Amino acid sequence: INVVYDPNRTMKFHVYGDFDIDNRGEAQVSDRRRVETLIERWGGRLADQLSFDVDFLVLGEEPPLPQPPPQNVVDPTAIAAYVEAQRNYETYQQLIGEARNLNIPILNQNRF
């Protein structure tokens, strides 16, 4: 008998990042939507943000730490891409820290 298991309880998941479910070698946003669909199909709920009532954090592939563009680059597209990549990296790392502080299990693509 498992005194913790409750078949009537709905697990809550926060999903972040891009996944490579089909092992194509490139993480994609569409695979994240597939992960979210699977969670809902299996009876779970999705959380918009990480909080104390989330049961699992599901993370996609870790984004690489972006290299800043050279000082002489004034291309707004390159600067915007760098800012977005930096934001994704920082958010990923911040979520890991918050999950650890809240004792929320972290699942990567393989463990999910």
N, C-alpha and C. Protein backbone atom coordinates (compact mmCIF):
# COMPACT_ATOMS: atom_id res chain seq x y z
N ILE A 1 0.85 -1.17 0.00
CA ILE A 1 0.00 0.00 0.00
C ILE A 1 0.89 1.23 0.00
N ASN A 2 0.58 2.17 -0.87
CA ASN A 2 1.30 3.44 -0.94
C ASN A 2 0.40 4.50 -0.30
N VAL A 3 0.78 5.00 0.87
CA VAL A 3 -0.05 5.96 1.58
C VAL A 3 0.00 7.35 0.94
N VAL A 4 0.96 7.60 0.08
CA VAL A 4 1.09 8.90 -0.56
C VAL A 4 0.30 8.97 -1.86
N TYR A 5 0.20 7.86 -2.58
CA TYR A 5 -0.45 7.83 -3.89
C TYR A 5 -1.94 8.08 -3.76
N ASP A 6 -2.46 8.96 -4.56
CA ASP A 6 -3.89 9.24 -4.60
C ASP A 6 -4.33 9.26 -6.05
N PRO A 7 -5.11 8.26 -6.50
CA PRO A 7 -5.50 8.21 -7.90
C PRO A 7 -6.40 9.37 -8.32
N ASN A 8 -6.95 10.09 -7.37
CA ASN A 8 -7.83 11.22 -7.68
C ASN A 8 -7.08 12.54 -7.73
N ARG A 9 -5.81 12.53 -7.42
CA ARG A 9 -5.01 13.76 -7.42
C ARG A 9 -4.47 14.03 -8.82
N THR A 10 -4.57 15.26 -9.24
CA THR A 10 -4.04 15.68 -10.53
C THR A 10 -2.68 16.33 -10.31
N MET A 11 -1.68 15.83 -11.01
CA MET A 11 -0.33 16.38 -10.90
C MET A 11 -0.24 17.67 -11.72
N LYS A 12 0.56 18.59 -11.23
CA LYS A 12 0.73 19.88 -11.88
C LYS A 12 2.17 20.00 -12.37
N PHE A 13 2.35 20.41 -13.62
CA PHE A 13 3.64 20.47 -14.28
C PHE A 13 3.90 21.88 -14.81
N HIS A 14 5.15 22.31 -14.69
CA HIS A 14 5.59 23.52 -15.37
C HIS A 14 6.61 23.07 -16.42
N VAL A 15 6.38 23.44 -17.67
CA VAL A 15 7.24 23.03 -18.77
C VAL A 15 7.96 24.25 -19.31
N TYR A 16 9.28 24.11 -19.52
CA TYR A 16 10.07 25.21 -20.06
C TYR A 16 11.13 24.66 -21.00
N GLY A 17 11.36 25.38 -22.07
CA GLY A 17 12.45 25.05 -22.98
C GLY A 17 11.97 24.37 -24.24
N ASP A 18 12.94 24.04 -25.08
CA ASP A 18 12.67 23.35 -26.34
C ASP A 18 13.14 21.90 -26.20
N PHE A 19 12.41 21.00 -26.83
CA PHE A 19 12.67 19.57 -26.71
C PHE A 19 13.01 18.98 -28.07
N ASP A 20 13.66 17.84 -28.07
CA ASP A 20 13.97 17.08 -29.27
C ASP A 20 13.45 15.66 -29.08
N ILE A 21 12.15 15.52 -29.15
CA ILE A 21 11.50 14.23 -28.86
C ILE A 21 11.88 13.16 -29.88
N ASP A 22 11.96 13.52 -31.12
CA ASP A 22 12.25 12.55 -32.17
C ASP A 22 13.74 12.34 -32.41
N ASN A 23 14.59 12.94 -31.59
CA ASN A 23 16.04 12.83 -31.72
C ASN A 23 16.54 13.21 -33.11
N ARG A 24 16.07 14.35 -33.59
CA ARG A 24 16.50 14.87 -34.88
C ARG A 24 17.81 15.64 -34.78
N GLY A 25 18.24 15.91 -33.55
CA GLY A 25 19.46 16.66 -33.36
C GLY A 25 19.24 18.14 -33.18
N GLU A 26 17.99 18.58 -33.19
CA GLU A 26 17.69 20.00 -33.03
C GLU A 26 16.42 20.15 -32.19
N ALA A 27 16.53 20.89 -31.09
CA ALA A 27 15.37 21.14 -30.23
C ALA A 27 14.43 22.11 -30.93
N GLN A 28 13.13 21.87 -30.74
CA GLN A 28 12.14 22.69 -31.42
C GLN A 28 11.00 23.03 -30.47
N VAL A 29 10.38 24.19 -30.71
CA VAL A 29 9.24 24.62 -29.91
C VAL A 29 8.06 23.68 -30.12
N SER A 30 7.89 23.14 -31.31
CA SER A 30 6.76 22.24 -31.58
C SER A 30 6.81 21.00 -30.70
N ASP A 31 8.02 20.54 -30.38
CA ASP A 31 8.14 19.38 -29.49
C ASP A 31 7.73 19.74 -28.06
N ARG A 32 7.93 20.98 -27.68
CA ARG A 32 7.44 21.43 -26.36
C ARG A 32 5.93 21.33 -26.31
N ARG A 33 5.28 21.74 -27.37
CA ARG A 33 3.81 21.64 -27.41
C ARG A 33 3.36 20.18 -27.34
N ARG A 34 4.14 19.29 -27.92
CA ARG A 34 3.82 17.86 -27.84
C ARG A 34 3.93 17.36 -26.40
N VAL A 35 4.95 17.81 -25.68
CA VAL A 35 5.12 17.43 -24.27
C VAL A 35 3.93 17.93 -23.46
N GLU A 36 3.54 19.18 -23.68
CA GLU A 36 2.40 19.74 -22.96
C GLU A 36 1.12 18.99 -23.28
N THR A 37 0.94 18.60 -24.53
CA THR A 37 -0.24 17.83 -24.92
C THR A 37 -0.25 16.47 -24.24
N LEU A 38 0.91 15.82 -24.16
CA LEU A 38 1.00 14.52 -23.48
C LEU A 38 0.63 14.64 -22.01
N ILE A 39 1.11 15.68 -21.36
CA ILE A 39 0.79 15.88 -19.94
C ILE A 39 -0.71 16.01 -19.75
N GLU A 40 -1.34 16.82 -20.57
CA GLU A 40 -2.79 17.00 -20.45
C GLU A 40 -3.54 15.72 -20.80
N ARG A 41 -3.09 15.01 -21.81
CA ARG A 41 -3.74 13.77 -22.22
C ARG A 41 -3.67 12.72 -21.11
N TRP A 42 -2.58 12.71 -20.37
CA TRP A 42 -2.39 11.74 -19.29
C TRP A 42 -3.01 12.20 -17.97
N GLY A 43 -3.74 13.34 -18.01
CA GLY A 43 -4.47 13.78 -16.83
C GLY A 43 -3.77 14.83 -15.98
N GLY A 44 -2.63 15.32 -16.42
CA GLY A 44 -1.92 16.35 -15.66
C GLY A 44 -2.42 17.73 -16.02
N ARG A 45 -2.02 18.70 -15.22
CA ARG A 45 -2.35 20.10 -15.50
C ARG A 45 -1.06 20.88 -15.71
N LEU A 46 -1.14 21.91 -16.53
CA LEU A 46 0.01 22.76 -16.81
C LEU A 46 -0.06 24.02 -15.96
N ALA A 47 1.09 24.43 -15.44
CA ALA A 47 1.20 25.65 -14.66
C ALA A 47 1.94 26.70 -15.48
N ASP A 48 1.45 27.93 -15.45
CA ASP A 48 2.09 29.01 -16.20
C ASP A 48 3.42 29.44 -15.59
N GLN A 49 3.55 29.24 -14.29
CA GLN A 49 4.79 29.62 -13.62
C GLN A 49 5.10 28.62 -12.52
N LEU A 50 6.34 28.62 -12.10
CA LEU A 50 6.79 27.70 -11.06
C LEU A 50 6.39 28.27 -9.69
N SER A 51 5.72 27.44 -8.89
CA SER A 51 5.31 27.86 -7.55
C SER A 51 5.30 26.64 -6.65
N PHE A 52 5.01 26.85 -5.39
CA PHE A 52 5.07 25.78 -4.40
C PHE A 52 4.10 24.63 -4.69
N ASP A 53 3.02 24.89 -5.44
CA ASP A 53 2.04 23.84 -5.69
C ASP A 53 2.29 23.06 -6.98
N VAL A 54 3.40 23.31 -7.64
CA VAL A 54 3.78 22.55 -8.84
C VAL A 54 4.46 21.25 -8.39
N ASP A 55 4.07 20.15 -9.00
CA ASP A 55 4.63 18.85 -8.63
C ASP A 55 5.92 18.53 -9.36
N PHE A 56 6.05 18.96 -10.63
CA PHE A 56 7.24 18.64 -11.42
C PHE A 56 7.59 19.80 -12.34
N LEU A 57 8.89 20.03 -12.50
CA LEU A 57 9.41 20.96 -13.50
C LEU A 57 9.98 20.11 -14.63
N VAL A 58 9.48 20.30 -15.83
CA VAL A 58 9.96 19.55 -16.99
C VAL A 58 10.76 20.53 -17.86
N LEU A 59 12.06 20.25 -17.99
CA LEU A 59 12.95 21.14 -18.74
C LEU A 59 13.40 20.51 -20.04
N GLY A 60 13.41 21.34 -21.09
CA GLY A 60 13.95 20.91 -22.37
C GLY A 60 15.47 20.99 -22.33
N GLU A 61 16.06 21.01 -23.50
CA GLU A 61 17.52 21.09 -23.59
C GLU A 61 18.00 22.42 -23.04
N GLU A 62 19.13 22.37 -22.34
CA GLU A 62 19.69 23.59 -21.76
C GLU A 62 20.19 24.50 -22.87
N PRO A 63 19.73 25.75 -22.88
CA PRO A 63 20.23 26.67 -23.90
C PRO A 63 21.69 27.01 -23.65
N PRO A 64 22.48 27.17 -24.70
CA PRO A 64 23.89 27.51 -24.52
C PRO A 64 24.04 28.94 -24.02
N LEU A 65 25.11 29.18 -23.28
CA LEU A 65 25.42 30.53 -22.84
C LEU A 65 25.87 31.32 -24.07
N PRO A 66 25.11 32.36 -24.44
CA PRO A 66 25.46 33.09 -25.67
C PRO A 66 26.68 33.98 -25.48
N GLN A 67 27.44 34.11 -26.54
CA GLN A 67 28.58 35.02 -26.55
C GLN A 67 28.09 36.40 -26.98
N PRO A 68 28.48 37.45 -26.26
CA PRO A 68 28.02 38.78 -26.65
C PRO A 68 28.57 39.18 -28.01
N PRO A 69 27.80 39.95 -28.75
CA PRO A 69 28.31 40.40 -30.06
C PRO A 69 29.48 41.36 -29.85
N PRO A 70 30.38 41.43 -30.82
CA PRO A 70 31.51 42.38 -30.71
C PRO A 70 31.01 43.81 -30.52
N GLN A 71 31.83 44.62 -29.90
CA GLN A 71 31.45 46.00 -29.58
C GLN A 71 31.08 46.81 -30.83
N ASN A 72 31.71 46.51 -31.97
CA ASN A 72 31.46 47.30 -33.17
C ASN A 72 30.21 46.85 -33.94
N VAL A 73 29.50 45.83 -33.46
CA VAL A 73 28.29 45.36 -34.14
C VAL A 73 27.13 46.26 -33.75
N VAL A 74 26.45 46.80 -34.77
CA VAL A 74 25.30 47.67 -34.53
C VAL A 74 24.04 47.11 -35.18
N ASP A 75 24.12 45.89 -35.64
CA ASP A 75 22.97 45.24 -36.27
C ASP A 75 21.91 44.96 -35.21
N PRO A 76 20.74 45.59 -35.31
CA PRO A 76 19.71 45.39 -34.28
C PRO A 76 19.20 43.94 -34.21
N THR A 77 19.23 43.24 -35.31
CA THR A 77 18.79 41.84 -35.32
C THR A 77 19.75 40.98 -34.51
N ALA A 78 21.05 41.18 -34.68
CA ALA A 78 22.06 40.41 -33.94
C ALA A 78 21.98 40.73 -32.45
N ILE A 79 21.78 41.99 -32.12
CA ILE A 79 21.68 42.38 -30.72
C ILE A 79 20.42 41.80 -30.09
N ALA A 80 19.31 41.84 -30.81
CA ALA A 80 18.06 41.27 -30.30
C ALA A 80 18.18 39.76 -30.11
N ALA A 81 18.85 39.08 -31.03
CA ALA A 81 19.04 37.63 -30.91
C ALA A 81 19.89 37.31 -29.68
N TYR A 82 20.92 38.12 -29.43
CA TYR A 82 21.76 37.92 -28.25
C TYR A 82 20.96 38.13 -26.97
N VAL A 83 20.18 39.19 -26.92
CA VAL A 83 19.37 39.49 -25.73
C VAL A 83 18.38 38.36 -25.47
N GLU A 84 17.74 37.86 -26.49
CA GLU A 84 16.79 36.75 -26.35
C GLU A 84 17.48 35.48 -25.87
N ALA A 85 18.63 35.17 -26.43
CA ALA A 85 19.38 33.97 -26.02
C ALA A 85 19.85 34.10 -24.58
N GLN A 86 20.28 35.28 -24.18
CA GLN A 86 20.72 35.52 -22.81
C GLN A 86 19.53 35.37 -21.85
N ARG A 87 18.38 35.89 -22.23
CA ARG A 87 17.18 35.78 -21.40
C ARG A 87 16.78 34.32 -21.23
N ASN A 88 16.81 33.53 -22.32
CA ASN A 88 16.46 32.11 -22.24
C ASN A 88 17.41 31.35 -21.32
N TYR A 89 18.70 31.64 -21.44
CA TYR A 89 19.69 30.97 -20.60
C TYR A 89 19.46 31.31 -19.12
N GLU A 90 19.27 32.58 -18.82
CA GLU A 90 19.08 33.01 -17.44
C GLU A 90 17.79 32.45 -16.85
N THR A 91 16.72 32.42 -17.64
CA THR A 91 15.45 31.86 -17.16
C THR A 91 15.59 30.38 -16.85
N TYR A 92 16.26 29.65 -17.70
CA TYR A 92 16.49 28.22 -17.50
C TYR A 92 17.23 27.98 -16.18
N GLN A 93 18.31 28.73 -15.97
CA GLN A 93 19.10 28.57 -14.75
C GLN A 93 18.30 28.99 -13.52
N GLN A 94 17.52 30.05 -13.65
CA GLN A 94 16.70 30.53 -12.54
C GLN A 94 15.65 29.50 -12.15
N LEU A 95 15.03 28.86 -13.12
CA LEU A 95 14.03 27.83 -12.83
C LEU A 95 14.65 26.64 -12.09
N ILE A 96 15.85 26.25 -12.46
CA ILE A 96 16.53 25.16 -11.76
C ILE A 96 16.73 25.55 -10.29
N GLY A 97 17.20 26.76 -10.04
CA GLY A 97 17.42 27.22 -8.68
C GLY A 97 16.13 27.28 -7.87
N GLU A 98 15.07 27.81 -8.47
CA GLU A 98 13.78 27.89 -7.78
C GLU A 98 13.24 26.51 -7.47
N ALA A 99 13.34 25.58 -8.42
CA ALA A 99 12.84 24.22 -8.20
C ALA A 99 13.60 23.56 -7.05
N ARG A 100 14.89 23.74 -7.00
CA ARG A 100 15.68 23.16 -5.91
C ARG A 100 15.29 23.77 -4.57
N ASN A 101 15.07 25.09 -4.54
CA ASN A 101 14.67 25.74 -3.30
C ASN A 101 13.29 25.27 -2.83
N LEU A 102 12.41 24.98 -3.76
CA LEU A 102 11.05 24.53 -3.43
C LEU A 102 10.94 23.00 -3.34
N ASN A 103 12.06 22.30 -3.53
CA ASN A 103 12.09 20.82 -3.52
C ASN A 103 11.13 20.22 -4.55
N ILE A 104 11.12 20.81 -5.73
CA ILE A 104 10.31 20.31 -6.83
C ILE A 104 11.20 19.44 -7.71
N PRO A 105 10.80 18.20 -7.97
CA PRO A 105 11.61 17.33 -8.84
C PRO A 105 11.72 17.92 -10.25
N ILE A 106 12.92 17.82 -10.81
CA ILE A 106 13.19 18.32 -12.16
C ILE A 106 13.30 17.13 -13.10
N LEU A 107 12.50 17.15 -14.15
CA LEU A 107 12.54 16.10 -15.15
C LEU A 107 13.09 16.67 -16.45
N ASN A 108 14.06 15.97 -17.04
CA ASN A 108 14.51 16.36 -18.36
C ASN A 108 13.71 15.53 -19.38
N GLN A 109 14.04 15.71 -20.62
CA GLN A 109 13.30 15.02 -21.68
C GLN A 109 13.35 13.50 -21.49
N ASN A 110 14.49 12.94 -21.13
CA ASN A 110 14.62 11.50 -20.98
C ASN A 110 13.84 10.97 -19.79
N ARG A 111 13.87 11.67 -18.68
CA ARG A 111 13.16 11.22 -17.48
C ARG A 111 11.66 11.39 -17.62
N PHE A 112 11.24 12.37 -18.41
CA PHE A 112 9.82 12.59 -18.62
C PHE A 112 9.23 11.41 -19.37
